[in-house]
Amino acid sequence: MKQRYGYAGVHLFDRASGLNILVDEKPVPRTKWSVAPRYMSFALTNACELACSYCYASKAPAKLRPELIERWARELDEAGCFGIGFGGGEPTLFPGFAQLCREVHSATDLAITMTTHGHRFDAALVDRLSGNIEFIRLSMDGIGSTYEGLRGRPFSVFKEKLGLVRATARFGINYVVNADTIDDLQRAAEFAIDNGAEELLLLPETLPSGTLSLGPKLMERLSSWVRQNYKSCRLATSAHGGLYIEAPMLMVSDPAYETFDFMHVDALGVLKPSAFATRGIPLRHDTTIIQSIERVRELHTQRPEETVQ
């Protein structure tokens, strides 16, 4: 099992099974903490053929270079990172996506995840990705006609694609919660469980600025639902959502150390504390990603209320 040291203790992780073990009986001195965040996400491309009205991702044409991603992945692996997530945009639109997953998987001990709408999955992609990716986060906002109205694709096709996703790797459902989808939440959870999802990730709708668009009444409805249902399936939320959902059993980061848990690289190659940060540090060819991580963390700690310059 891979291990890393951090503010919570000694963390052990097995990428094949997803098993996490935290040994927290004895504090770890800060000088021994792993430098890399536990998880790093990459927006491989801003391209996506869907046009969801609530999507916060940038629409400016941009994509990362695969050779740089492979280099960054090796550096992250050596510095204690457990996993990287490929998103976008839609990651399956990134040229050579399956080859990138294969190269990173064979060269590192990192767990590879992806976030996808699933509609580009076919038998050939299943074959190329199987064994080279540990977990797939499948986006599903609403059930039936709600999904179709928001995503512009038949829900029957989504269910077919879910079968292909399930044949590729372990998977969970990402669910944006807003005024249109909250009434479907119970049926969505039942659908996820019945179809083998290991997790339901609840994402309160967030504006590009990083502020929640849900009002207090909807947030209380969501919190109430989580309190009543957290024992029936594994629930999770974003670090931002965890600040507002008053419910048990949702794993969220300690705000004081959030950059040790998570960071993000956008499709322009800018390292940020999160996907919602409007500015960050461009990754350069003459420095390692670890050097940039330390700089972002330093500025974020000094000025947590501001975006990184």
Protein backbone atom coordinates (compact mmCIF):
# COMPACT_ATOMS: atom_id res chain seq x y z
CA MET A 1 0.00 0.00 0.00
CA LYS A 2 1.15 3.51 -0.77
CA GLN A 3 1.55 5.80 2.22
CA ARG A 4 1.70 9.54 2.77
CA TYR A 5 2.14 11.73 5.82
CA GLY A 6 -0.03 14.71 6.63
CA TYR A 7 -1.93 16.82 9.12
CA ALA A 8 -4.41 13.99 9.83
CA GLY A 9 -1.78 11.29 10.42
CA VAL A 10 -0.30 8.46 8.33
CA HIS A 11 -2.56 7.64 5.39
CA LEU A 12 -2.35 4.26 3.61
CA PHE A 13 -3.98 3.70 0.21
CA ASP A 14 -4.43 0.79 -2.18
CA ARG A 15 -5.23 2.00 -5.69
CA ALA A 16 -6.64 -1.28 -6.95
CA SER A 17 -9.38 -1.56 -4.34
CA GLY A 18 -9.67 2.07 -3.26
CA LEU A 19 -9.07 1.04 0.36
CA ASN A 20 -8.03 3.92 2.65
CA ILE A 21 -6.59 3.47 6.14
CA LEU A 22 -5.79 6.44 8.37
CA VAL A 23 -3.50 5.97 11.36
CA ASP A 24 -4.13 9.05 13.48
CA GLU A 25 -3.03 8.00 16.97
CA LYS A 26 0.19 10.01 16.80
CA PRO A 27 0.62 13.44 15.15
CA VAL A 28 3.05 13.66 12.24
CA PRO A 29 5.56 16.54 12.44
CA ARG A 30 4.89 19.10 9.73
CA THR A 31 8.43 18.72 8.41
CA LYS A 32 7.53 15.15 7.39
CA TRP A 33 4.25 15.93 5.61
CA SER A 34 4.09 14.83 1.98
CA VAL A 35 4.50 17.86 -0.27
CA ALA A 36 2.09 16.86 -3.01
CA PRO A 37 -1.65 17.09 -2.36
CA ARG A 38 -3.47 13.84 -1.81
CA TYR A 39 -5.34 14.36 -5.07
CA MET A 40 -4.71 16.53 -8.14
CA SER A 41 -7.30 17.18 -10.83
CA PHE A 42 -6.49 18.10 -14.43
CA ALA A 43 -8.86 19.80 -16.87
CA LEU A 44 -7.40 18.10 -19.95
CA THR A 45 -9.48 20.17 -22.36
CA ASN A 46 -12.24 22.75 -22.24
CA ALA A 47 -14.01 21.05 -25.15
CA CYS A 48 -17.44 19.50 -24.52
CA GLU A 49 -20.28 18.80 -26.91
CA LEU A 50 -22.95 19.36 -24.24
CA ALA A 51 -24.14 22.82 -23.20
CA CYS A 52 -25.44 22.47 -19.62
CA SER A 53 -26.58 25.88 -18.42
CA TYR A 54 -25.12 25.38 -14.93
CA CYS A 55 -21.64 24.25 -16.03
CA TYR A 56 -18.93 26.42 -14.45
CA ALA A 57 -16.05 25.14 -16.65
CA SER A 58 -14.29 27.55 -18.97
CA LYS A 59 -15.39 27.47 -22.60
CA ALA A 60 -12.20 29.09 -23.96
CA PRO A 61 -10.44 26.69 -26.39
CA ALA A 62 -7.54 25.08 -24.55
CA LYS A 63 -5.94 21.70 -23.86
CA LEU A 64 -2.93 20.35 -22.03
CA ARG A 65 0.05 18.60 -23.62
CA PRO A 66 0.20 14.86 -22.82
CA GLU A 67 3.99 14.78 -22.35
CA LEU A 68 3.70 17.48 -19.67
CA ILE A 69 0.90 15.64 -17.89
CA GLU A 70 3.03 12.49 -17.82
CA ARG A 71 5.96 14.42 -16.37
CA TRP A 72 3.80 16.10 -13.72
CA ALA A 73 2.24 12.75 -12.83
CA ARG A 74 5.65 11.20 -12.15
CA GLU A 75 6.64 14.17 -9.98
CA LEU A 76 3.38 14.01 -8.03
CA ASP A 77 3.74 10.27 -7.51
CA GLU A 78 7.23 10.66 -6.05
CA ALA A 79 6.07 13.47 -3.74
CA GLY A 80 3.27 11.48 -2.08
CA CYS A 81 0.19 12.09 -4.22
CA PHE A 82 -2.33 9.23 -4.19
CA GLY A 83 -4.33 9.98 -7.32
CA ILE A 84 -5.05 12.25 -10.25
CA GLY A 85 -8.40 12.97 -11.87
CA PHE A 86 -8.93 13.77 -15.53
CA GLY A 87 -11.81 16.07 -16.40
CA GLY A 88 -12.54 19.09 -18.50
CA GLY A 89 -14.65 19.81 -20.45
CA GLU A 90 -15.13 16.23 -21.49
CA PRO A 91 -11.87 14.23 -21.11
CA THR A 92 -12.76 11.67 -23.78
CA LEU A 93 -12.48 14.52 -26.32
CA PHE A 94 -8.80 14.90 -25.42
CA PRO A 95 -6.67 13.41 -28.25
CA GLY A 96 -5.03 10.19 -27.11
CA PHE A 97 -6.92 10.07 -23.82
CA ALA A 98 -6.81 6.28 -23.43
CA GLN A 99 -3.10 6.24 -24.28
CA LEU A 100 -2.45 8.93 -21.66
CA CYS A 101 -4.21 6.84 -19.00
CA ARG A 102 -2.19 3.78 -19.98
CA GLU A 103 1.14 5.65 -19.86
CA VAL A 104 0.49 7.28 -16.49
CA HIS A 105 -0.88 4.08 -14.99
CA SER A 106 2.16 2.03 -15.98
CA ALA A 107 4.73 4.69 -15.03
CA THR A 108 3.35 5.55 -11.57
CA ASP A 109 1.47 4.17 -8.58
CA LEU A 110 -1.18 6.86 -8.90
CA ALA A 111 -4.86 5.97 -8.93
CA ILE A 112 -6.46 7.45 -12.04
CA THR A 113 -10.02 8.73 -12.05
CA MET A 114 -12.07 10.59 -14.63
CA THR A 115 -15.23 12.68 -14.69
CA THR A 116 -17.37 12.21 -17.79
CA HIS A 117 -20.88 12.60 -19.14
CA GLY A 118 -20.45 9.06 -20.50
CA HIS A 119 -22.00 9.54 -23.93
CA ARG A 120 -18.78 8.87 -25.84
CA PHE A 121 -18.26 5.45 -24.27
CA ASP A 122 -18.32 2.49 -26.65
CA ALA A 123 -16.89 -1.02 -26.67
CA ALA A 124 -13.56 0.16 -28.09
CA LEU A 125 -13.08 2.78 -25.36
CA VAL A 126 -14.00 0.24 -22.69
CA ASP A 127 -11.29 -2.06 -24.01
CA ARG A 128 -8.64 0.69 -24.09
CA LEU A 129 -9.40 2.05 -20.62
CA SER A 130 -9.99 -1.19 -18.71
CA GLY A 131 -7.14 -1.86 -16.30
CA ASN A 132 -5.74 1.66 -16.72
CA ILE A 133 -8.26 3.60 -14.68
CA GLU A 134 -9.48 2.97 -11.14
CA PHE A 135 -12.66 4.99 -10.81
CA ILE A 136 -15.10 6.83 -13.08
CA ARG A 137 -17.28 9.71 -11.94
CA LEU A 138 -20.36 9.71 -14.18
CA SER A 139 -22.34 12.95 -14.31
CA MET A 140 -26.10 12.53 -13.97
CA ASP A 141 -28.26 15.49 -13.03
CA GLY A 142 -31.86 14.44 -12.57
CA ILE A 143 -33.77 11.40 -13.75
CA GLY A 144 -35.73 10.87 -16.98
CA SER A 145 -37.19 14.07 -18.40
CA THR A 146 -35.28 16.24 -15.91
CA TYR A 147 -31.98 14.83 -17.16
CA GLU A 148 -33.08 15.18 -20.77
CA GLY A 149 -34.10 18.79 -20.33
CA LEU A 150 -30.81 19.74 -18.70
CA ARG A 151 -28.37 17.61 -20.67
CA GLY A 152 -30.12 17.47 -24.03
CA ARG A 153 -29.60 13.70 -24.39
CA PRO A 154 -32.08 10.79 -24.03
CA PHE A 155 -32.01 9.23 -20.58
CA SER A 156 -32.41 5.82 -22.21
CA VAL A 157 -29.07 6.37 -23.98
CA PHE A 158 -27.47 7.45 -20.71
CA LYS A 159 -28.56 4.17 -19.12
CA GLU A 160 -26.98 2.23 -21.99
CA LYS A 161 -23.73 4.16 -21.58
CA LEU A 162 -23.80 3.53 -17.84
CA GLY A 163 -23.54 -0.18 -18.59
CA LEU A 164 -20.35 0.46 -20.58
CA VAL A 165 -18.93 2.63 -17.81
CA ARG A 166 -19.69 -0.11 -15.27
CA ALA A 167 -17.83 -2.62 -17.47
CA THR A 168 -14.75 -0.37 -17.48
CA ALA A 169 -14.10 0.38 -13.80
CA ARG A 170 -15.67 1.04 -10.42
CA PHE A 171 -17.84 4.13 -10.66
CA GLY A 172 -19.88 6.70 -8.82
CA ILE A 173 -22.52 9.25 -9.77
CA ASN A 174 -21.89 13.00 -9.73
CA TYR A 175 -25.15 14.86 -9.08
CA VAL A 176 -25.50 18.63 -9.39
CA VAL A 177 -28.17 19.76 -6.94
CA ASN A 178 -30.23 22.78 -7.96
CA ALA A 179 -33.85 23.86 -8.16
CA ASP A 180 -34.40 21.60 -11.19
CA THR A 181 -32.83 18.43 -9.79
CA ILE A 182 -33.52 18.40 -6.05
CA ASP A 183 -36.99 16.81 -6.46
CA ASP A 184 -35.34 13.87 -8.26
CA LEU A 185 -32.71 13.28 -5.59
CA GLN A 186 -34.35 10.28 -3.91
CA ARG A 187 -35.02 8.52 -7.22
CA ALA A 188 -31.50 9.37 -8.39
CA ALA A 189 -29.99 7.77 -5.28
CA GLU A 190 -32.09 4.63 -5.78
CA PHE A 191 -31.10 4.51 -9.44
CA ALA A 192 -27.41 4.86 -8.55
CA ILE A 193 -27.56 2.07 -5.95
CA ASP A 194 -29.55 -0.26 -8.21
CA ASN A 195 -27.00 0.18 -11.00
CA GLY A 196 -23.92 -0.50 -8.91
CA ALA A 197 -22.61 2.98 -8.16
CA GLU A 198 -20.25 3.00 -5.18
CA GLU A 199 -20.80 6.64 -4.32
CA LEU A 200 -23.20 9.52 -4.84
CA LEU A 201 -21.30 12.80 -5.03
CA LEU A 202 -23.63 15.70 -4.24
CA LEU A 203 -22.58 18.97 -5.87
CA PRO A 204 -24.65 22.01 -4.89
CA GLU A 205 -24.82 24.18 -8.01
CA THR A 206 -21.96 26.65 -7.96
CA LEU A 207 -21.46 29.77 -10.05
CA PRO A 208 -18.20 30.36 -11.98
CA SER A 209 -17.24 32.79 -9.20
CA GLY A 210 -17.26 29.88 -6.74
CA THR A 211 -20.35 30.99 -4.81
CA LEU A 212 -23.31 28.68 -4.31
CA SER A 213 -26.42 29.47 -6.32
CA LEU A 214 -28.76 27.53 -3.98
CA GLY A 215 -30.71 29.58 -1.47
CA PRO A 216 -31.02 28.71 2.24
CA LYS A 217 -34.29 26.76 1.77
CA LEU A 218 -32.84 24.45 -0.87
CA MET A 219 -29.66 23.94 1.14
CA GLU A 220 -31.72 22.95 4.17
CA ARG A 221 -33.72 20.51 2.01
CA LEU A 222 -30.46 18.98 0.82
CA SER A 223 -29.03 18.79 4.34
CA SER A 224 -32.25 17.19 5.60
CA TRP A 225 -32.17 14.58 2.83
CA VAL A 226 -28.53 13.72 3.61
CA ARG A 227 -29.29 13.35 7.33
CA GLN A 228 -32.08 10.90 6.50
CA ASN A 229 -30.23 8.89 3.85
CA TYR A 230 -26.50 8.85 4.62
CA LYS A 231 -26.72 5.28 5.93
CA SER A 232 -28.31 3.91 2.75
CA CYS A 233 -25.43 4.71 0.40
CA ARG A 234 -21.98 6.30 0.45
CA LEU A 235 -22.41 10.05 0.11
CA ALA A 236 -19.80 12.69 -0.58
CA THR A 237 -19.70 16.35 -1.49
CA SER A 238 -17.21 18.93 -2.69
CA ALA A 239 -15.06 20.79 -0.16
CA HIS A 240 -17.11 23.89 -0.92
CA GLY A 241 -20.42 22.08 -0.51
CA GLY A 242 -19.28 20.62 2.79
CA LEU A 243 -19.17 24.09 4.28
CA TYR A 244 -22.94 24.43 3.83
CA ILE A 245 -24.45 20.95 4.10
CA GLU A 246 -25.19 20.34 7.76
CA ALA A 247 -25.17 16.56 7.85
CA PRO A 248 -23.02 13.67 9.12
CA MET A 249 -20.73 11.34 7.22
CA LEU A 250 -19.64 13.73 4.47
CA MET A 251 -15.87 13.68 4.05
CA VAL A 252 -14.58 17.22 3.66
CA SER A 253 -11.17 18.83 4.00
CA ASP A 254 -10.00 20.89 6.92
CA PRO A 255 -10.11 24.45 5.48
CA ALA A 256 -6.80 25.27 7.13
CA TYR A 257 -5.05 22.48 5.17
CA GLU A 258 -7.21 22.09 2.08
CA THR A 259 -4.32 22.50 -0.36
CA PHE A 260 -2.69 19.42 1.17
CA ASP A 261 -5.77 17.45 0.13
CA PHE A 262 -6.56 18.89 -3.27
CA MET A 263 -5.29 21.15 -6.07
CA HIS A 264 -6.26 21.72 -9.69
CA VAL A 265 -4.57 22.34 -13.05
CA ASP A 266 -6.75 23.99 -15.68
CA ALA A 267 -6.59 23.40 -19.44
CA LEU A 268 -4.21 26.36 -19.85
CA GLY A 269 -1.70 24.72 -17.51
CA VAL A 270 -2.39 27.01 -14.55
CA LEU A 271 -2.06 25.47 -11.07
CA LYS A 272 -4.79 26.63 -8.68
CA PRO A 273 -5.94 25.88 -5.13
CA SER A 274 -9.25 24.72 -6.63
CA ALA A 275 -11.15 24.60 -9.90
CA PHE A 276 -13.07 27.72 -8.84
CA ALA A 277 -10.02 29.90 -8.22
CA THR A 278 -9.92 32.55 -10.95
CA ARG A 279 -6.15 32.91 -10.96
CA GLY A 280 -3.12 30.75 -10.25
CA ILE A 281 0.49 30.03 -11.16
CA PRO A 282 1.27 28.95 -14.75
CA LEU A 283 3.28 25.74 -14.74
CA ARG A 284 6.64 26.33 -16.42
CA HIS A 285 8.93 23.96 -18.28
CA ASP A 286 11.96 24.93 -16.17
CA THR A 287 10.38 24.16 -12.79
CA THR A 288 8.77 21.07 -11.29
CA ILE A 289 5.10 20.95 -10.41
CA ILE A 290 6.20 20.41 -6.80
CA GLN A 291 7.96 23.78 -6.74
CA SER A 292 4.78 25.41 -8.04
CA ILE A 293 2.66 23.57 -5.45
CA GLU A 294 4.78 24.95 -2.65
CA ARG A 295 4.45 28.48 -4.05
CA VAL A 296 0.65 28.25 -4.43
CA ARG A 297 0.36 26.83 -0.93
CA GLU A 298 2.51 29.60 0.50
CA LEU A 299 0.42 32.34 -1.10
CA HIS A 300 -2.86 30.61 -0.30
CA THR A 301 -1.88 30.30 3.36
CA GLN A 302 -0.78 33.90 3.59
CA ARG A 303 -3.85 35.27 1.85
CA PRO A 304 -6.62 32.65 2.01
CA GLU A 305 -9.30 35.24 1.22
CA GLU A 306 -7.68 36.17 -2.12
CA THR A 307 -7.02 34.30 -5.31
CA VAL A 308 -3.41 33.36 -5.94
CA GLN A 309 -1.41 35.83 -8.04
